[in-house]
Amino acid sequence: MEDKDTRIDMELYYKRFLALFEEIKKDYPTFVQSFMGFFKATEGPGALSSKTKELISIALSVKAQCPYCIAFHVKNAIKEGATRQEIIESAMVATLMGGGPCVAYMKYVFDACDEFGAR
């Protein structure tokens, strides 16, 4: 376990991400409504489980180097029953495709796992 001083506050990233949508919704409610409909249709269960889709989203979030997305999808993956090992391995797949910069963004994945209670 690392020192608390080096941890990144992933709950703050998660809350800021949600707050952004609330801010956008004030002036652009149709955009948010459309985006959320698309999100629910895409992330919901289908041929792939919601958990699998969240793990894919974690890999894509690492590849995109988006800490907001990492926080959001790690938290959702845990809610869908993903284990710490599954989450970390999905992030490692991103490093295969993205190289060193993606390895650096795994820091956010580890901190999100710790903060959101991945087992």
C-alpha atoms as a PDB file:
ATOM      1  CA  MET A   1       0.000   0.000   0.000  1.00  0.00           C
ATOM      2  CA  GLU A   2       1.253   3.426  -0.857  1.00  0.00           C
ATOM      3  CA  ASP A   3       1.329   6.537   1.267  1.00  0.00           C
ATOM      4  CA  LYS A   4      -1.963   8.457   1.347  1.00  0.00           C
ATOM      5  CA  ASP A   5      -0.084  11.582   0.211  1.00  0.00           C
ATOM      6  CA  THR A   6       0.539  10.023  -3.206  1.00  0.00           C
ATOM      7  CA  ARG A   7      -3.013   8.791  -3.761  1.00  0.00           C
ATOM      8  CA  ILE A   8      -5.206  10.503  -6.293  1.00  0.00           C
ATOM      9  CA  ASP A   9      -8.730  11.341  -5.096  1.00  0.00           C
ATOM     10  CA  MET A  10     -10.773   9.310  -7.572  1.00  0.00           C
ATOM     11  CA  GLU A  11     -14.077  10.069  -5.851  1.00  0.00           C
ATOM     12  CA  LEU A  12     -13.422  13.723  -6.655  1.00  0.00           C
ATOM     13  CA  TYR A  13     -12.906  12.848 -10.343  1.00  0.00           C
ATOM     14  CA  TYR A  14     -16.121  10.810 -10.257  1.00  0.00           C
ATOM     15  CA  LYS A  15     -18.113  13.640  -8.669  1.00  0.00           C
ATOM     16  CA  ARG A  16     -16.656  16.229 -11.061  1.00  0.00           C
ATOM     17  CA  PHE A  17     -17.629  14.060 -14.027  1.00  0.00           C
ATOM     18  CA  LEU A  18     -21.221  13.821 -12.817  1.00  0.00           C
ATOM     19  CA  ALA A  19     -21.285  17.554 -12.010  1.00  0.00           C
ATOM     20  CA  LEU A  20     -20.159  18.331 -15.555  1.00  0.00           C
ATOM     21  CA  PHE A  21     -23.230  16.594 -16.942  1.00  0.00           C
ATOM     22  CA  GLU A  22     -25.450  18.550 -14.561  1.00  0.00           C
ATOM     23  CA  GLU A  23     -23.844  21.788 -15.738  1.00  0.00           C
ATOM     24  CA  ILE A  24     -24.258  20.910 -19.416  1.00  0.00           C
ATOM     25  CA  LYS A  25     -27.856  19.852 -18.777  1.00  0.00           C
ATOM     26  CA  LYS A  26     -28.794  23.382 -17.671  1.00  0.00           C
ATOM     27  CA  ASP A  27     -28.314  24.817 -21.153  1.00  0.00           C
ATOM     28  CA  TYR A  28     -28.343  21.690 -23.299  1.00  0.00           C
ATOM     29  CA  PRO A  29     -30.856  19.236 -21.837  1.00  0.00           C
ATOM     30  CA  THR A  30     -31.510  17.557 -25.191  1.00  0.00           C
ATOM     31  CA  PHE A  31     -27.819  16.761 -25.577  1.00  0.00           C
ATOM     32  CA  VAL A  32     -27.588  15.192 -22.118  1.00  0.00           C
ATOM     33  CA  GLN A  33     -30.839  13.276 -22.574  1.00  0.00           C
ATOM     34  CA  SER A  34     -29.653  11.929 -25.930  1.00  0.00           C
ATOM     35  CA  PHE A  35     -26.202  11.068 -24.623  1.00  0.00           C
ATOM     36  CA  MET A  36     -27.619   9.267 -21.579  1.00  0.00           C
ATOM     37  CA  GLY A  37     -30.029   7.313 -23.774  1.00  0.00           C
ATOM     38  CA  PHE A  38     -27.118   6.261 -25.968  1.00  0.00           C
ATOM     39  CA  PHE A  39     -25.063   5.430 -22.869  1.00  0.00           C
ATOM     40  CA  LYS A  40     -27.785   3.237 -21.362  1.00  0.00           C
ATOM     41  CA  ALA A  41     -28.437   1.461 -24.656  1.00  0.00           C
ATOM     42  CA  THR A  42     -24.736   0.768 -25.126  1.00  0.00           C
ATOM     43  CA  GLU A  43     -23.673  -0.079 -21.573  1.00  0.00           C
ATOM     44  CA  GLY A  44     -26.709  -2.188 -20.678  1.00  0.00           C
ATOM     45  CA  PRO A  45     -26.675  -5.975 -20.924  1.00  0.00           C
ATOM     46  CA  GLY A  46     -26.844  -7.549 -24.352  1.00  0.00           C
ATOM     47  CA  ALA A  47     -24.625 -10.141 -25.988  1.00  0.00           C
ATOM     48  CA  LEU A  48     -21.959  -8.850 -23.582  1.00  0.00           C
ATOM     49  CA  SER A  49     -22.683  -8.436 -19.894  1.00  0.00           C
ATOM     50  CA  SER A  50     -22.661  -4.970 -18.331  1.00  0.00           C
ATOM     51  CA  LYS A  51     -19.581  -6.028 -16.366  1.00  0.00           C
ATOM     52  CA  THR A  52     -17.707  -6.951 -19.547  1.00  0.00           C
ATOM     53  CA  LYS A  53     -18.693  -3.649 -21.127  1.00  0.00           C
ATOM     54  CA  GLU A  54     -17.393  -1.745 -18.083  1.00  0.00           C
ATOM     55  CA  LEU A  55     -14.092  -3.629 -18.274  1.00  0.00           C
ATOM     56  CA  ILE A  56     -13.800  -2.705 -21.955  1.00  0.00           C
ATOM     57  CA  SER A  57     -14.597   0.889 -21.004  1.00  0.00           C
ATOM     58  CA  ILE A  58     -11.800   0.841 -18.420  1.00  0.00           C
ATOM     59  CA  ALA A  59      -9.304  -0.239 -21.080  1.00  0.00           C
ATOM     60  CA  LEU A  60     -10.558   2.460 -23.431  1.00  0.00           C
ATOM     61  CA  SER A  61     -10.401   5.043 -20.634  1.00  0.00           C
ATOM     62  CA  VAL A  62      -6.763   4.195 -19.959  1.00  0.00           C
ATOM     63  CA  LYS A  63      -5.982   4.345 -23.677  1.00  0.00           C
ATOM     64  CA  ALA A  64      -7.756   7.728 -23.894  1.00  0.00           C
ATOM     65  CA  GLN A  65      -5.807   8.881 -20.809  1.00  0.00           C
ATOM     66  CA  CYS A  66      -8.981  10.172 -19.134  1.00  0.00           C
ATOM     67  CA  PRO A  67      -8.926  10.049 -15.308  1.00  0.00           C
ATOM     68  CA  TYR A  68     -12.595  11.108 -15.190  1.00  0.00           C
ATOM     69  CA  CYS A  69     -13.547   8.128 -17.360  1.00  0.00           C
ATOM     70  CA  ILE A  70     -11.315   5.801 -15.356  1.00  0.00           C
ATOM     71  CA  ALA A  71     -13.024   6.823 -12.097  1.00  0.00           C
ATOM     72  CA  PHE A  72     -16.483   6.467 -13.619  1.00  0.00           C
ATOM     73  CA  HIS A  73     -15.934   3.068 -15.223  1.00  0.00           C
ATOM     74  CA  VAL A  74     -13.935   1.514 -12.370  1.00  0.00           C
ATOM     75  CA  LYS A  75     -16.710   2.468  -9.948  1.00  0.00           C
ATOM     76  CA  ASN A  76     -19.342   1.055 -12.312  1.00  0.00           C
ATOM     77  CA  ALA A  77     -17.318  -2.117 -12.947  1.00  0.00           C
ATOM     78  CA  ILE A  78     -17.137  -2.768  -9.213  1.00  0.00           C
ATOM     79  CA  LYS A  79     -20.922  -2.265  -8.955  1.00  0.00           C
ATOM     80  CA  GLU A  80     -21.283  -4.857 -11.744  1.00  0.00           C
ATOM     81  CA  GLY A  81     -19.172  -7.355  -9.772  1.00  0.00           C
ATOM     82  CA  ALA A  82     -15.757  -6.912 -11.387  1.00  0.00           C
ATOM     83  CA  THR A  83     -12.807  -7.925  -9.255  1.00  0.00           C
ATOM     84  CA  ARG A  84      -9.631  -5.909  -8.757  1.00  0.00           C
ATOM     85  CA  GLN A  85      -7.754  -8.451 -10.879  1.00  0.00           C
ATOM     86  CA  GLU A  86     -10.256  -8.125 -13.755  1.00  0.00           C
ATOM     87  CA  ILE A  87     -10.062  -4.338 -13.589  1.00  0.00           C
ATOM     88  CA  ILE A  88      -6.252  -4.259 -13.536  1.00  0.00           C
ATOM     89  CA  GLU A  89      -6.013  -6.791 -16.374  1.00  0.00           C
ATOM     90  CA  SER A  90      -8.388  -4.743 -18.515  1.00  0.00           C
ATOM     91  CA  ALA A  91      -6.158  -1.712 -17.941  1.00  0.00           C
ATOM     92  CA  MET A  92      -3.102  -3.779 -18.878  1.00  0.00           C
ATOM     93  CA  VAL A  93      -4.698  -4.590 -22.244  1.00  0.00           C
ATOM     94  CA  ALA A  94      -4.775  -0.837 -22.902  1.00  0.00           C
ATOM     95  CA  THR A  95      -1.048  -0.618 -22.190  1.00  0.00           C
ATOM     96  CA  LEU A  96      -0.418  -3.206 -24.878  1.00  0.00           C
ATOM     97  CA  MET A  97      -2.012  -0.885 -27.422  1.00  0.00           C
ATOM     98  CA  GLY A  98      -0.953   2.442 -25.904  1.00  0.00           C
ATOM     99  CA  GLY A  99       2.523   1.888 -24.485  1.00  0.00           C
ATOM    100  CA  GLY A 100       4.238   3.864 -21.754  1.00  0.00           C
ATOM    101  CA  PRO A 101       1.745   6.718 -21.452  1.00  0.00           C
ATOM    102  CA  CYS A 102      -1.009   4.197 -20.702  1.00  0.00           C
ATOM    103  CA  VAL A 103       1.151   2.531 -18.062  1.00  0.00           C
ATOM    104  CA  ALA A 104       1.293   5.900 -16.293  1.00  0.00           C
ATOM    105  CA  TYR A 105      -2.509   6.127 -16.314  1.00  0.00           C
ATOM    106  CA  MET A 106      -2.771   2.779 -14.549  1.00  0.00           C
ATOM    107  CA  LYS A 107      -2.022   4.825 -11.400  1.00  0.00           C
ATOM    108  CA  TYR A 108      -5.574   6.136 -11.616  1.00  0.00           C
ATOM    109  CA  VAL A 109      -6.920   2.593 -11.985  1.00  0.00           C
ATOM    110  CA  PHE A 110      -5.060   1.373  -8.891  1.00  0.00           C
ATOM    111  CA  ASP A 111      -6.218   4.358  -6.865  1.00  0.00           C
ATOM    112  CA  ALA A 112      -9.823   3.923  -8.045  1.00  0.00           C
ATOM    113  CA  CYS A 113      -9.715   0.224  -7.110  1.00  0.00           C
ATOM    114  CA  ASP A 114      -8.455   1.128  -3.646  1.00  0.00           C
ATOM    115  CA  GLU A 115     -10.884   3.995  -3.120  1.00  0.00           C
ATOM    116  CA  PHE A 116     -13.984   2.236  -4.448  1.00  0.00           C
ATOM    117  CA  GLY A 117     -13.256  -1.059  -2.673  1.00  0.00           C
ATOM    118  CA  ALA A 118     -12.364  -3.481  -5.499  1.00  0.00           C
ATOM    119  CA  ARG A 119     -11.537  -6.900  -4.079  1.00  0.00           C
END
